[in-house]
Each structure stands twice: as structure tokens, then as C-alpha cells.
Amino acid sequence: MKTTDPRVDVYIRKSAAFAQPILRHLRALVHRGCPEAGETLKWSMPAFTLDGKILCHMAAFKAHCAFGFWHQRMLFELGRDGGKAEEAMGAMGRVTRLEDLPRDEAMLRYIRLAVTMSQSGEPARPKPKTKRALPMPADLTAALKKNAKAGKVFADFSPSAKRDYIEWITEAKREATRASRLVTAVGWVGEGKTRNWKYQNLA
């Protein structure tokens, strides 16, 4: 039995005129391919669920729509058929009109395949491998001991934040470069900054 979410109706109504028929068509296809699918909003975008897990999702932007499947293996399946994941979020590329979508028969086949994958028990998104902790360089240890505040901040950093500094220092090819990075690192750490603080402030 089809389960709809009124928030998806609102999302479609608020989308650009070109996007509305595309979103309605995609929504209808998902429910044809998987009558048991539910609806919700994830990251402010319509998503379709099955047994509490995300099956697929769609979105409308200023000049195009996007549609994609949650199970990672679907990218491989769609890639064999000429998927366009590199063009836009999702797997169908930039959809600006209904004709940009695969034929309904193909879309229904993809949706049913996604259902099979979702119910297979295989993780949709494999967990990233945990990186092995790097040994602490002696010169960094010594420098942090001389700056109590920086030493305490570094000790409280996450493993990934520590790794970023360790890699930056140990990858220096010249002694002068390493020494300069060491001074900079201790200064940044003392201010509570991670290695990539400049980029994190660009949000």
C-alpha cells in the first residue's frame, strides 16, 4: 500500500515549474516499482524508504532535478548502463525535462533492483576503514611539552586531527621546512586550531 508524506507534496509545489512534473513522475515511478515504499524528508529533500532504510531520493534545484539510489552498488549497476553520476548529485545526471530520464521500463527495473539490494542485508554504505594511529614524532612531542596549553589541546584532539598534524610535519622533505611547520603547528594548536582550520572557516 502506497504511503505518502504531505511534506513531499509541499516540496513539489514549492519547486520550480519545470521541476514539478519531473518530481511527480519520479514519485509515481518509485511507488509503482515498490508499492511498499514510504516517504519522508532527509536533508530537506524527499526520500523514499523501505523497512526503515533509505531506498532512493530526489531533489529539485534552480535549473535541474536529481534522483539517486542509496545503495552504493547501484552506482555500479547504473554505470554499466551509462549512468551520469559525475554530472550531478544522484545517478541520473542533470534532469531538466522528463526526456532526460531513462525510459519508464528501465527506471522500474532500477527501482526493483534497489529493493532487492536493500533487502539483501548487505550494508548500503560500507563503513570506512579505521586508519592506524601514527607514531608521535619526537620533535613534535618535545615542542608540545614546552607549550603546556598546546600540549593539552593536542591531547584532546580527535585521532584524525592529530594525524593531520603528524602527517604534515613528517612529510616535510627539508629540515628547515619541518622546523618551520613545527613552529606553526604548535602555534595553531595552542589557539585550538586543527591543521585544516583555514578551510573549515570557509563554510
N, C-alpha and C. Protein backbone atom coordinates (compact mmCIF):
# COMPACT_ATOMS: atom_id res chain seq x y z
N MET A 1 0.84 -1.19 0.00
CA MET A 1 0.00 0.00 0.00
C MET A 1 0.88 1.25 0.00
N LYS A 2 0.60 2.19 -0.88
CA LYS A 2 1.40 3.40 -1.01
C LYS A 2 1.25 4.27 0.23
N THR A 3 2.38 4.71 0.77
CA THR A 3 2.38 5.61 1.92
C THR A 3 3.04 6.92 1.50
N THR A 4 2.29 8.00 1.57
CA THR A 4 2.83 9.28 1.15
C THR A 4 3.00 10.21 2.34
N ASP A 5 3.81 11.23 2.14
CA ASP A 5 4.10 12.21 3.19
C ASP A 5 3.68 13.58 2.65
N PRO A 6 2.77 14.29 3.33
CA PRO A 6 2.32 15.59 2.84
C PRO A 6 3.45 16.59 2.66
N ARG A 7 4.56 16.41 3.36
CA ARG A 7 5.69 17.33 3.20
C ARG A 7 6.31 17.21 1.81
N VAL A 8 6.18 16.03 1.21
CA VAL A 8 6.69 15.86 -0.16
C VAL A 8 5.80 16.62 -1.13
N ASP A 9 4.49 16.63 -0.88
CA ASP A 9 3.58 17.42 -1.72
C ASP A 9 3.95 18.90 -1.65
N VAL A 10 4.26 19.38 -0.45
CA VAL A 10 4.65 20.78 -0.28
C VAL A 10 5.95 21.06 -1.02
N TYR A 11 6.91 20.14 -0.90
CA TYR A 11 8.20 20.30 -1.57
C TYR A 11 8.01 20.44 -3.08
N ILE A 12 7.16 19.58 -3.64
CA ILE A 12 6.93 19.62 -5.08
C ILE A 12 6.26 20.92 -5.49
N ARG A 13 5.25 21.35 -4.72
CA ARG A 13 4.54 22.59 -5.05
C ARG A 13 5.47 23.80 -4.99
N LYS A 14 6.45 23.77 -4.10
CA LYS A 14 7.36 24.90 -3.96
C LYS A 14 8.52 24.87 -4.95
N SER A 15 8.65 23.77 -5.68
CA SER A 15 9.74 23.65 -6.65
C SER A 15 9.43 24.45 -7.90
N ALA A 16 10.44 24.72 -8.70
CA ALA A 16 10.28 25.47 -9.94
C ALA A 16 9.29 24.75 -10.86
N ALA A 17 8.66 25.50 -11.74
CA ALA A 17 7.63 24.94 -12.62
C ALA A 17 8.17 23.78 -13.46
N PHE A 18 9.40 23.91 -13.97
CA PHE A 18 9.94 22.83 -14.81
C PHE A 18 10.14 21.55 -14.01
N ALA A 19 10.39 21.70 -12.70
CA ALA A 19 10.73 20.54 -11.87
C ALA A 19 9.51 19.75 -11.42
N GLN A 20 8.38 20.40 -11.30
CA GLN A 20 7.21 19.73 -10.72
C GLN A 20 6.78 18.47 -11.46
N PRO A 21 6.64 18.50 -12.80
CA PRO A 21 6.25 17.25 -13.47
C PRO A 21 7.31 16.16 -13.36
N ILE A 22 8.58 16.55 -13.28
CA ILE A 22 9.66 15.57 -13.14
C ILE A 22 9.56 14.89 -11.78
N LEU A 23 9.38 15.68 -10.73
CA LEU A 23 9.29 15.12 -9.38
C LEU A 23 8.05 14.25 -9.23
N ARG A 24 6.93 14.70 -9.79
CA ARG A 24 5.70 13.89 -9.70
C ARG A 24 5.89 12.56 -10.41
N HIS A 25 6.56 12.60 -11.56
CA HIS A 25 6.76 11.37 -12.33
C HIS A 25 7.69 10.41 -11.58
N LEU A 26 8.76 10.94 -11.03
CA LEU A 26 9.69 10.10 -10.27
C LEU A 26 8.99 9.47 -9.07
N ARG A 27 8.19 10.27 -8.39
CA ARG A 27 7.45 9.79 -7.22
C ARG A 27 6.53 8.64 -7.60
N ALA A 28 5.82 8.81 -8.71
CA ALA A 28 4.90 7.77 -9.17
C ALA A 28 5.65 6.50 -9.56
N LEU A 29 6.81 6.67 -10.20
CA LEU A 29 7.60 5.50 -10.61
C LEU A 29 8.08 4.71 -9.39
N VAL A 30 8.54 5.41 -8.37
CA VAL A 30 9.02 4.71 -7.16
C VAL A 30 7.89 3.89 -6.56
N HIS A 31 6.71 4.46 -6.49
CA HIS A 31 5.59 3.72 -5.88
C HIS A 31 5.09 2.60 -6.78
N ARG A 32 5.30 2.73 -8.09
CA ARG A 32 4.97 1.61 -8.98
C ARG A 32 5.99 0.48 -8.80
N GLY A 33 7.25 0.85 -8.73
CA GLY A 33 8.30 -0.15 -8.61
C GLY A 33 8.38 -0.77 -7.24
N CYS A 34 7.95 -0.02 -6.22
CA CYS A 34 7.98 -0.52 -4.84
C CYS A 34 6.75 0.01 -4.11
N PRO A 35 5.61 -0.68 -4.23
CA PRO A 35 4.38 -0.21 -3.60
C PRO A 35 4.49 -0.06 -2.08
N GLU A 36 5.45 -0.76 -1.46
CA GLU A 36 5.60 -0.69 -0.01
C GLU A 36 6.44 0.51 0.44
N ALA A 37 6.95 1.27 -0.50
CA ALA A 37 7.84 2.38 -0.15
C ALA A 37 7.11 3.45 0.66
N GLY A 38 7.80 3.98 1.65
CA GLY A 38 7.29 5.11 2.42
C GLY A 38 7.97 6.38 1.95
N GLU A 39 7.53 7.50 2.47
CA GLU A 39 8.11 8.79 2.10
C GLU A 39 8.51 9.56 3.35
N THR A 40 9.54 10.36 3.20
CA THR A 40 9.97 11.24 4.29
C THR A 40 10.83 12.33 3.68
N LEU A 41 11.35 13.21 4.52
CA LEU A 41 12.32 14.20 4.09
C LEU A 41 13.64 13.90 4.77
N LYS A 42 14.71 13.85 4.00
CA LYS A 42 16.06 13.67 4.53
C LYS A 42 16.91 14.79 3.97
N TRP A 43 17.59 15.51 4.85
CA TRP A 43 18.40 16.65 4.43
C TRP A 43 17.57 17.63 3.60
N SER A 44 16.30 17.78 4.03
CA SER A 44 15.34 18.71 3.40
C SER A 44 14.95 18.30 1.99
N MET A 45 15.22 17.06 1.60
CA MET A 45 14.85 16.56 0.27
C MET A 45 13.95 15.34 0.41
N PRO A 46 13.05 15.11 -0.55
CA PRO A 46 12.20 13.92 -0.49
C PRO A 46 13.02 12.64 -0.60
N ALA A 47 12.72 11.70 0.28
CA ALA A 47 13.39 10.40 0.24
C ALA A 47 12.34 9.31 0.36
N PHE A 48 12.61 8.18 -0.26
CA PHE A 48 11.71 7.03 -0.22
C PHE A 48 12.38 5.94 0.61
N THR A 49 11.62 5.34 1.49
CA THR A 49 12.18 4.36 2.42
C THR A 49 11.51 3.00 2.28
N LEU A 50 12.23 1.98 2.72
CA LEU A 50 11.70 0.62 2.74
C LEU A 50 12.23 -0.06 3.99
N ASP A 51 11.33 -0.54 4.82
CA ASP A 51 11.71 -1.19 6.07
C ASP A 51 12.62 -0.30 6.92
N GLY A 52 12.32 0.99 6.90
CA GLY A 52 13.07 1.92 7.72
C GLY A 52 14.40 2.37 7.14
N LYS A 53 14.75 1.90 5.95
CA LYS A 53 16.02 2.27 5.31
C LYS A 53 15.75 3.10 4.06
N ILE A 54 16.67 4.03 3.77
CA ILE A 54 16.51 4.85 2.57
C ILE A 54 16.68 3.98 1.33
N LEU A 55 15.77 4.12 0.41
CA LEU A 55 15.83 3.39 -0.85
C LEU A 55 16.38 4.28 -1.96
N CYS A 56 15.81 5.47 -2.08
CA CYS A 56 16.24 6.42 -3.09
C CYS A 56 15.78 7.82 -2.68
N HIS A 57 16.20 8.81 -3.43
CA HIS A 57 15.86 10.19 -3.07
C HIS A 57 15.81 11.05 -4.33
N MET A 58 15.17 12.19 -4.23
CA MET A 58 15.10 13.11 -5.36
C MET A 58 15.19 14.53 -4.84
N ALA A 59 15.53 15.45 -5.72
CA ALA A 59 15.67 16.85 -5.31
C ALA A 59 15.49 17.75 -6.52
N ALA A 60 15.09 18.97 -6.25
CA ALA A 60 14.96 19.99 -7.29
C ALA A 60 15.87 21.15 -6.95
N PHE A 61 16.59 21.63 -7.95
CA PHE A 61 17.47 22.78 -7.78
C PHE A 61 17.00 23.90 -8.73
N LYS A 62 17.76 24.95 -8.83
CA LYS A 62 17.31 26.10 -9.64
C LYS A 62 17.12 25.74 -11.10
N ALA A 63 18.02 24.91 -11.64
CA ALA A 63 17.95 24.64 -13.07
C ALA A 63 17.88 23.16 -13.42
N HIS A 64 17.85 22.27 -12.44
CA HIS A 64 17.77 20.85 -12.75
C HIS A 64 17.24 20.07 -11.56
N CYS A 65 16.87 18.83 -11.82
CA CYS A 65 16.45 17.89 -10.77
C CYS A 65 17.49 16.77 -10.68
N ALA A 66 17.47 16.06 -9.58
CA ALA A 66 18.39 14.94 -9.39
C ALA A 66 17.63 13.78 -8.75
N PHE A 67 18.08 12.58 -9.06
CA PHE A 67 17.47 11.37 -8.49
C PHE A 67 18.59 10.36 -8.28
N GLY A 68 18.56 9.70 -7.13
CA GLY A 68 19.61 8.72 -6.88
C GLY A 68 19.17 7.64 -5.93
N PHE A 69 19.94 6.56 -5.91
CA PHE A 69 19.67 5.43 -5.03
C PHE A 69 20.66 5.45 -3.87
N TRP A 70 20.23 4.95 -2.72
CA TRP A 70 21.06 5.00 -1.53
C TRP A 70 22.12 3.90 -1.50
N HIS A 71 21.80 2.74 -2.03
CA HIS A 71 22.75 1.62 -2.00
C HIS A 71 23.89 1.91 -2.97
N GLN A 72 25.11 1.84 -2.46
CA GLN A 72 26.28 2.20 -3.27
C GLN A 72 26.43 1.34 -4.51
N ARG A 73 26.04 0.08 -4.43
CA ARG A 73 26.21 -0.81 -5.59
C ARG A 73 25.37 -0.37 -6.77
N MET A 74 24.33 0.43 -6.52
CA MET A 74 23.50 0.89 -7.63
C MET A 74 24.29 1.80 -8.57
N LEU A 75 25.29 2.50 -8.05
CA LEU A 75 26.11 3.34 -8.92
C LEU A 75 26.83 2.48 -9.95
N PHE A 76 27.28 1.29 -9.54
CA PHE A 76 27.93 0.37 -10.47
C PHE A 76 26.93 -0.13 -11.52
N GLU A 77 25.73 -0.50 -11.04
CA GLU A 77 24.72 -1.01 -11.97
C GLU A 77 24.33 0.06 -12.98
N LEU A 78 24.14 1.28 -12.52
CA LEU A 78 23.76 2.37 -13.42
C LEU A 78 24.92 2.75 -14.33
N GLY A 79 26.14 2.63 -13.81
CA GLY A 79 27.30 2.94 -14.63
C GLY A 79 27.41 2.03 -15.83
N ARG A 80 27.02 0.78 -15.67
CA ARG A 80 27.05 -0.17 -16.80
C ARG A 80 26.09 0.25 -17.89
N ASP A 81 25.02 0.97 -17.47
CA ASP A 81 24.02 1.41 -18.43
C ASP A 81 24.22 2.87 -18.84
N GLY A 82 25.39 3.41 -18.54
CA GLY A 82 25.66 4.79 -18.93
C GLY A 82 25.17 5.80 -17.92
N GLY A 83 25.29 5.49 -16.63
CA GLY A 83 24.88 6.42 -15.59
C GLY A 83 25.66 7.73 -15.68
N LYS A 84 25.11 8.77 -15.09
CA LYS A 84 25.70 10.10 -15.18
C LYS A 84 25.94 10.70 -13.81
N ALA A 85 26.41 9.88 -12.88
CA ALA A 85 26.60 10.34 -11.50
C ALA A 85 27.61 11.47 -11.41
N GLU A 86 28.54 11.56 -12.40
CA GLU A 86 29.56 12.60 -12.31
C GLU A 86 29.00 13.97 -12.68
N GLU A 87 27.81 14.02 -13.28
CA GLU A 87 27.26 15.28 -13.74
C GLU A 87 26.50 16.03 -12.66
N ALA A 88 25.94 15.32 -11.70
CA ALA A 88 25.13 15.96 -10.66
C ALA A 88 24.91 14.97 -9.54
N MET A 89 24.37 15.46 -8.42
CA MET A 89 24.04 14.58 -7.31
C MET A 89 23.09 13.49 -7.80
N GLY A 90 23.24 12.29 -7.28
CA GLY A 90 22.36 11.21 -7.70
C GLY A 90 23.02 10.37 -8.78
N ALA A 91 22.24 9.79 -9.65
CA ALA A 91 22.81 8.89 -10.65
C ALA A 91 22.29 9.14 -12.05
N MET A 92 21.34 10.06 -12.18
CA MET A 92 20.73 10.32 -13.48
C MET A 92 21.26 11.59 -14.15
N GLY A 93 22.27 12.19 -13.54
CA GLY A 93 22.79 13.43 -14.09
C GLY A 93 21.84 14.59 -13.87
N ARG A 94 21.99 15.63 -14.65
CA ARG A 94 21.15 16.82 -14.54
C ARG A 94 19.85 16.58 -15.33
N VAL A 95 18.76 16.47 -14.63
CA VAL A 95 17.46 16.21 -15.26
C VAL A 95 16.71 17.53 -15.35
N THR A 96 16.53 18.01 -16.57
CA THR A 96 15.83 19.29 -16.77
C THR A 96 14.47 19.11 -17.42
N ARG A 97 14.20 17.90 -17.90
CA ARG A 97 12.91 17.58 -18.51
C ARG A 97 12.71 16.07 -18.41
N LEU A 98 11.48 15.63 -18.58
CA LEU A 98 11.18 14.21 -18.45
C LEU A 98 11.99 13.36 -19.42
N GLU A 99 12.27 13.91 -20.59
CA GLU A 99 13.01 13.15 -21.61
C GLU A 99 14.44 12.85 -21.20
N ASP A 100 14.95 13.55 -20.17
CA ASP A 100 16.32 13.29 -19.71
C ASP A 100 16.40 12.00 -18.88
N LEU A 101 15.27 11.51 -18.43
CA LEU A 101 15.24 10.29 -17.62
C LEU A 101 15.27 9.05 -18.52
N PRO A 102 15.79 7.93 -18.01
CA PRO A 102 15.67 6.67 -18.77
C PRO A 102 14.19 6.34 -18.98
N ARG A 103 13.92 5.44 -19.91
CA ARG A 103 12.54 5.03 -20.16
C ARG A 103 11.95 4.43 -18.89
N ASP A 104 10.62 4.51 -18.76
CA ASP A 104 9.96 4.03 -17.55
C ASP A 104 10.31 2.58 -17.23
N GLU A 105 10.42 1.74 -18.27
CA GLU A 105 10.73 0.33 -18.05
C GLU A 105 12.09 0.18 -17.37
N ALA A 106 13.05 0.98 -17.83
CA ALA A 106 14.38 0.92 -17.24
C ALA A 106 14.36 1.45 -15.81
N MET A 107 13.64 2.54 -15.59
CA MET A 107 13.57 3.11 -14.25
C MET A 107 12.94 2.12 -13.27
N LEU A 108 11.90 1.45 -13.69
CA LEU A 108 11.24 0.46 -12.83
C LEU A 108 12.18 -0.70 -12.52
N ARG A 109 12.98 -1.07 -13.50
CA ARG A 109 13.95 -2.16 -13.28
C ARG A 109 15.00 -1.73 -12.25
N TYR A 110 15.46 -0.48 -12.35
CA TYR A 110 16.42 0.02 -11.38
C TYR A 110 15.82 0.05 -9.97
N ILE A 111 14.59 0.51 -9.88
CA ILE A 111 13.94 0.62 -8.57
C ILE A 111 13.79 -0.76 -7.94
N ARG A 112 13.37 -1.75 -8.74
CA ARG A 112 13.20 -3.10 -8.20
C ARG A 112 14.54 -3.73 -7.82
N LEU A 113 15.58 -3.39 -8.57
CA LEU A 113 16.91 -3.88 -8.23
C LEU A 113 17.37 -3.24 -6.92
N ALA A 114 17.07 -1.97 -6.74
CA ALA A 114 17.43 -1.29 -5.49
C ALA A 114 16.69 -1.91 -4.30
N VAL A 115 15.45 -2.33 -4.53
CA VAL A 115 14.69 -3.01 -3.47
C VAL A 115 15.38 -4.32 -3.09
N THR A 116 15.80 -5.08 -4.09
CA THR A 116 16.48 -6.35 -3.83
C THR A 116 17.75 -6.12 -3.03
N MET A 117 18.52 -5.10 -3.41
CA MET A 117 19.76 -4.80 -2.70
C MET A 117 19.48 -4.36 -1.27
N SER A 118 18.44 -3.54 -1.10
CA SER A 118 18.09 -3.04 0.23
C SER A 118 17.70 -4.18 1.16
N GLN A 119 17.05 -5.18 0.62
CA GLN A 119 16.57 -6.30 1.43
C GLN A 119 17.59 -7.43 1.55
N SER A 120 18.74 -7.28 0.89
CA SER A 120 19.74 -8.35 0.90
C SER A 120 20.50 -8.45 2.21
N GLY A 121 20.45 -7.39 3.01
CA GLY A 121 21.22 -7.38 4.25
C GLY A 121 22.62 -6.83 4.07
N GLU A 122 23.02 -6.63 2.84
CA GLU A 122 24.35 -6.05 2.57
C GLU A 122 24.34 -4.57 2.93
N PRO A 123 25.35 -4.07 3.65
CA PRO A 123 25.37 -2.65 4.02
C PRO A 123 25.30 -1.76 2.79
N ALA A 124 24.44 -0.76 2.84
CA ALA A 124 24.30 0.15 1.71
C ALA A 124 25.52 1.03 1.55
N ARG A 125 26.10 1.39 2.67
CA ARG A 125 27.29 2.25 2.68
C ARG A 125 28.34 1.60 3.58
N PRO A 126 29.30 0.88 3.00
CA PRO A 126 30.31 0.21 3.83
C PRO A 126 31.01 1.20 4.75
N LYS A 127 31.29 0.77 5.97
CA LYS A 127 31.98 1.64 6.92
C LYS A 127 33.41 1.89 6.46
N PRO A 128 33.87 3.13 6.56
CA PRO A 128 35.26 3.41 6.16
C PRO A 128 36.23 2.68 7.07
N LYS A 129 37.34 2.28 6.50
CA LYS A 129 38.35 1.58 7.27
C LYS A 129 39.00 2.53 8.28
N THR A 130 39.20 2.04 9.49
CA THR A 130 39.85 2.85 10.51
C THR A 130 41.35 2.92 10.24
N LYS A 131 41.88 4.14 10.18
CA LYS A 131 43.30 4.30 9.91
C LYS A 131 44.11 4.00 11.18
N ARG A 132 45.25 3.36 10.98
CA ARG A 132 46.12 3.03 12.10
C ARG A 132 46.75 4.31 12.64
N ALA A 133 46.85 4.40 13.95
CA ALA A 133 47.44 5.59 14.58
C ALA A 133 48.90 5.72 14.17
N LEU A 134 49.33 6.95 13.88
CA LEU A 134 50.72 7.19 13.51
C LEU A 134 51.56 7.42 14.76
N PRO A 135 52.81 6.99 14.72
CA PRO A 135 53.69 7.24 15.88
C PRO A 135 53.95 8.74 16.02
N MET A 136 54.03 9.20 17.25
CA MET A 136 54.24 10.62 17.53
C MET A 136 55.71 10.97 17.29
N PRO A 137 55.99 11.95 16.41
CA PRO A 137 57.38 12.36 16.17
C PRO A 137 58.00 12.94 17.44
N ALA A 138 59.25 12.63 17.67
CA ALA A 138 59.94 13.08 18.90
C ALA A 138 60.00 14.60 18.97
N ASP A 139 60.25 15.26 17.81
CA ASP A 139 60.37 16.72 17.85
C ASP A 139 59.03 17.39 18.13
N LEU A 140 57.93 16.79 17.67
CA LEU A 140 56.62 17.36 17.97
C LEU A 140 56.29 17.16 19.45
N THR A 141 56.63 15.99 19.97
CA THR A 141 56.40 15.73 21.40
C THR A 141 57.16 16.73 22.26
N ALA A 142 58.42 16.97 21.89
CA ALA A 142 59.25 17.91 22.66
C ALA A 142 58.69 19.33 22.57
N ALA A 143 58.24 19.72 21.38
CA ALA A 143 57.72 21.07 21.20
C ALA A 143 56.43 21.28 22.00
N LEU A 144 55.60 20.28 22.06
CA LEU A 144 54.35 20.38 22.80
C LEU A 144 54.59 20.39 24.31
N LYS A 145 55.66 19.73 24.75
CA LYS A 145 55.99 19.75 26.17
C LYS A 145 56.41 21.14 26.63
N LYS A 146 56.99 21.91 25.69
CA LYS A 146 57.43 23.26 26.02
C LYS A 146 56.27 24.26 26.04
N ASN A 147 55.13 23.84 25.49
CA ASN A 147 53.96 24.73 25.45
C ASN A 147 52.80 23.96 26.09
N ALA A 148 52.60 24.18 27.38
CA ALA A 148 51.61 23.38 28.13
C ALA A 148 50.21 23.49 27.53
N LYS A 149 49.83 24.70 27.11
CA LYS A 149 48.48 24.89 26.56
C LYS A 149 48.31 24.08 25.28
N ALA A 150 49.31 24.19 24.38
CA ALA A 150 49.24 23.45 23.11
C ALA A 150 49.25 21.95 23.37
N GLY A 151 50.05 21.52 24.35
CA GLY A 151 50.11 20.10 24.66
C GLY A 151 48.77 19.55 25.12
N LYS A 152 48.07 20.34 25.96
CA LYS A 152 46.76 19.89 26.44
C LYS A 152 45.74 19.85 25.31
N VAL A 153 45.76 20.89 24.46
CA VAL A 153 44.80 20.93 23.34
C VAL A 153 45.05 19.75 22.41
N PHE A 154 46.33 19.49 22.09
CA PHE A 154 46.65 18.38 21.19
C PHE A 154 46.20 17.05 21.77
N ALA A 155 46.37 16.88 23.07
CA ALA A 155 45.97 15.63 23.72
C ALA A 155 44.47 15.40 23.60
N ASP A 156 43.70 16.49 23.55
CA ASP A 156 42.24 16.37 23.46
C ASP A 156 41.74 16.29 22.02
N PHE A 157 42.64 16.49 21.04
CA PHE A 157 42.23 16.41 19.64
C PHE A 157 41.74 15.00 19.30
N SER A 158 40.91 14.91 18.27
CA SER A 158 40.48 13.61 17.77
C SER A 158 41.66 12.93 17.08
N PRO A 159 41.62 11.60 16.92
CA PRO A 159 42.71 10.90 16.24
C PRO A 159 42.99 11.45 14.84
N SER A 160 41.93 11.82 14.12
CA SER A 160 42.14 12.34 12.76
C SER A 160 42.82 13.70 12.78
N ALA A 161 42.48 14.55 13.78
CA ALA A 161 43.10 15.87 13.88
C ALA A 161 44.58 15.73 14.22
N LYS A 162 44.91 14.78 15.10
CA LYS A 162 46.31 14.52 15.43
C LYS A 162 47.06 14.02 14.21
N ARG A 163 46.42 13.09 13.48
CA ARG A 163 47.05 12.52 12.29
C ARG A 163 47.39 13.61 11.26
N ASP A 164 46.48 14.58 11.08
CA ASP A 164 46.70 15.64 10.10
C ASP A 164 47.99 16.40 10.40
N TYR A 165 48.20 16.72 11.68
CA TYR A 165 49.42 17.45 12.06
C TYR A 165 50.65 16.57 11.92
N ILE A 166 50.56 15.33 12.37
CA ILE A 166 51.71 14.42 12.30
C ILE A 166 52.15 14.21 10.85
N GLU A 167 51.17 13.98 9.96
CA GLU A 167 51.48 13.77 8.54
C GLU A 167 52.12 15.02 7.93
N TRP A 168 51.57 16.19 8.28
CA TRP A 168 52.08 17.44 7.73
C TRP A 168 53.55 17.66 8.10
N ILE A 169 53.88 17.35 9.33
CA ILE A 169 55.25 17.55 9.80
C ILE A 169 56.19 16.49 9.24
N THR A 170 55.79 15.24 9.27
CA THR A 170 56.69 14.16 8.82
C THR A 170 56.85 14.12 7.30
N GLU A 171 55.95 14.74 6.57
CA GLU A 171 56.06 14.75 5.11
C GLU A 171 56.98 15.84 4.58
N ALA A 172 57.45 16.70 5.47
CA ALA A 172 58.37 17.77 5.05
C ALA A 172 59.66 17.14 4.54
N LYS A 173 60.14 17.58 3.38
CA LYS A 173 61.32 16.98 2.77
C LYS A 173 62.62 17.62 3.24
N ARG A 174 62.56 18.86 3.71
CA ARG A 174 63.76 19.55 4.18
C ARG A 174 63.65 19.82 5.67
N GLU A 175 64.79 19.79 6.33
CA GLU A 175 64.81 20.04 7.78
C GLU A 175 64.27 21.43 8.11
N ALA A 176 64.62 22.40 7.26
CA ALA A 176 64.15 23.77 7.50
C ALA A 176 62.62 23.85 7.39
N THR A 177 62.08 23.13 6.42
CA THR A 177 60.63 23.12 6.24
C THR A 177 59.95 22.45 7.43
N ARG A 178 60.56 21.36 7.88
CA ARG A 178 59.99 20.64 9.03
C ARG A 178 60.01 21.52 10.28
N ALA A 179 61.12 22.21 10.49
CA ALA A 179 61.23 23.07 11.66
C ALA A 179 60.21 24.20 11.61
N SER A 180 60.01 24.77 10.42
CA SER A 180 59.02 25.84 10.26
C SER A 180 57.61 25.34 10.51
N ARG A 181 57.30 24.16 10.00
CA ARG A 181 55.97 23.58 10.21
C ARG A 181 55.74 23.27 11.68
N LEU A 182 56.79 22.87 12.36
CA LEU A 182 56.68 22.53 13.77
C LEU A 182 56.29 23.77 14.59
N VAL A 183 56.94 24.88 14.30
CA VAL A 183 56.61 26.12 15.00
C VAL A 183 55.17 26.55 14.69
N THR A 184 54.80 26.47 13.41
CA THR A 184 53.44 26.85 13.01
C THR A 184 52.41 25.94 13.66
N ALA A 185 52.70 24.65 13.68
CA ALA A 185 51.75 23.67 14.24
C ALA A 185 51.51 23.95 15.72
N VAL A 186 52.57 24.16 16.48
CA VAL A 186 52.41 24.40 17.91
C VAL A 186 51.62 25.69 18.14
N GLY A 187 51.86 26.70 17.31
CA GLY A 187 51.11 27.95 17.43
C GLY A 187 49.63 27.76 17.16
N TRP A 188 49.33 27.03 16.09
CA TRP A 188 47.91 26.77 15.74
C TRP A 188 47.23 25.93 16.81
N VAL A 189 47.91 24.89 17.24
CA VAL A 189 47.33 24.00 18.26
C VAL A 189 47.05 24.79 19.54
N GLY A 190 47.97 25.67 19.90
CA GLY A 190 47.78 26.47 21.09
C GLY A 190 46.55 27.37 21.01
N GLU A 191 46.15 27.70 19.78
CA GLU A 191 44.95 28.51 19.56
C GLU A 191 43.71 27.63 19.38
N GLY A 192 43.90 26.31 19.52
CA GLY A 192 42.77 25.39 19.38
C GLY A 192 42.41 25.08 17.94
N LYS A 193 43.32 25.35 17.01
CA LYS A 193 43.04 25.17 15.59
C LYS A 193 43.51 23.80 15.10
N THR A 194 42.69 23.17 14.28
CA THR A 194 43.11 21.94 13.63
C THR A 194 43.97 22.30 12.43
N ARG A 195 44.60 21.32 11.84
CA ARG A 195 45.50 21.55 10.70
C ARG A 195 44.79 22.27 9.56
N ASN A 196 43.54 21.93 9.29
CA ASN A 196 42.81 22.49 8.14
C ASN A 196 41.83 23.58 8.56
N TRP A 197 42.16 24.32 9.61
CA TRP A 197 41.23 25.32 10.13
C TRP A 197 40.87 26.38 9.10
N LYS A 198 41.78 26.71 8.19
CA LYS A 198 41.50 27.76 7.19
C LYS A 198 40.35 27.35 6.29
N TYR A 199 40.33 26.07 5.91
CA TYR A 199 39.29 25.58 5.00
C TYR A 199 37.97 25.40 5.73
N GLN A 200 38.04 25.03 7.00
CA GLN A 200 36.82 24.83 7.78
C GLN A 200 36.07 26.13 8.00
N ASN A 201 36.78 27.24 7.93
CA ASN A 201 36.14 28.55 8.15
C ASN A 201 35.55 29.12 6.88
N LEU A 202 35.61 28.35 5.77
CA LEU A 202 35.09 28.85 4.50
C LEU A 202 33.65 28.46 4.28
N ALA A 203 32.97 27.87 5.27
CA ALA A 203 31.60 27.39 5.11
C ALA A 203 30.67 28.55 4.80
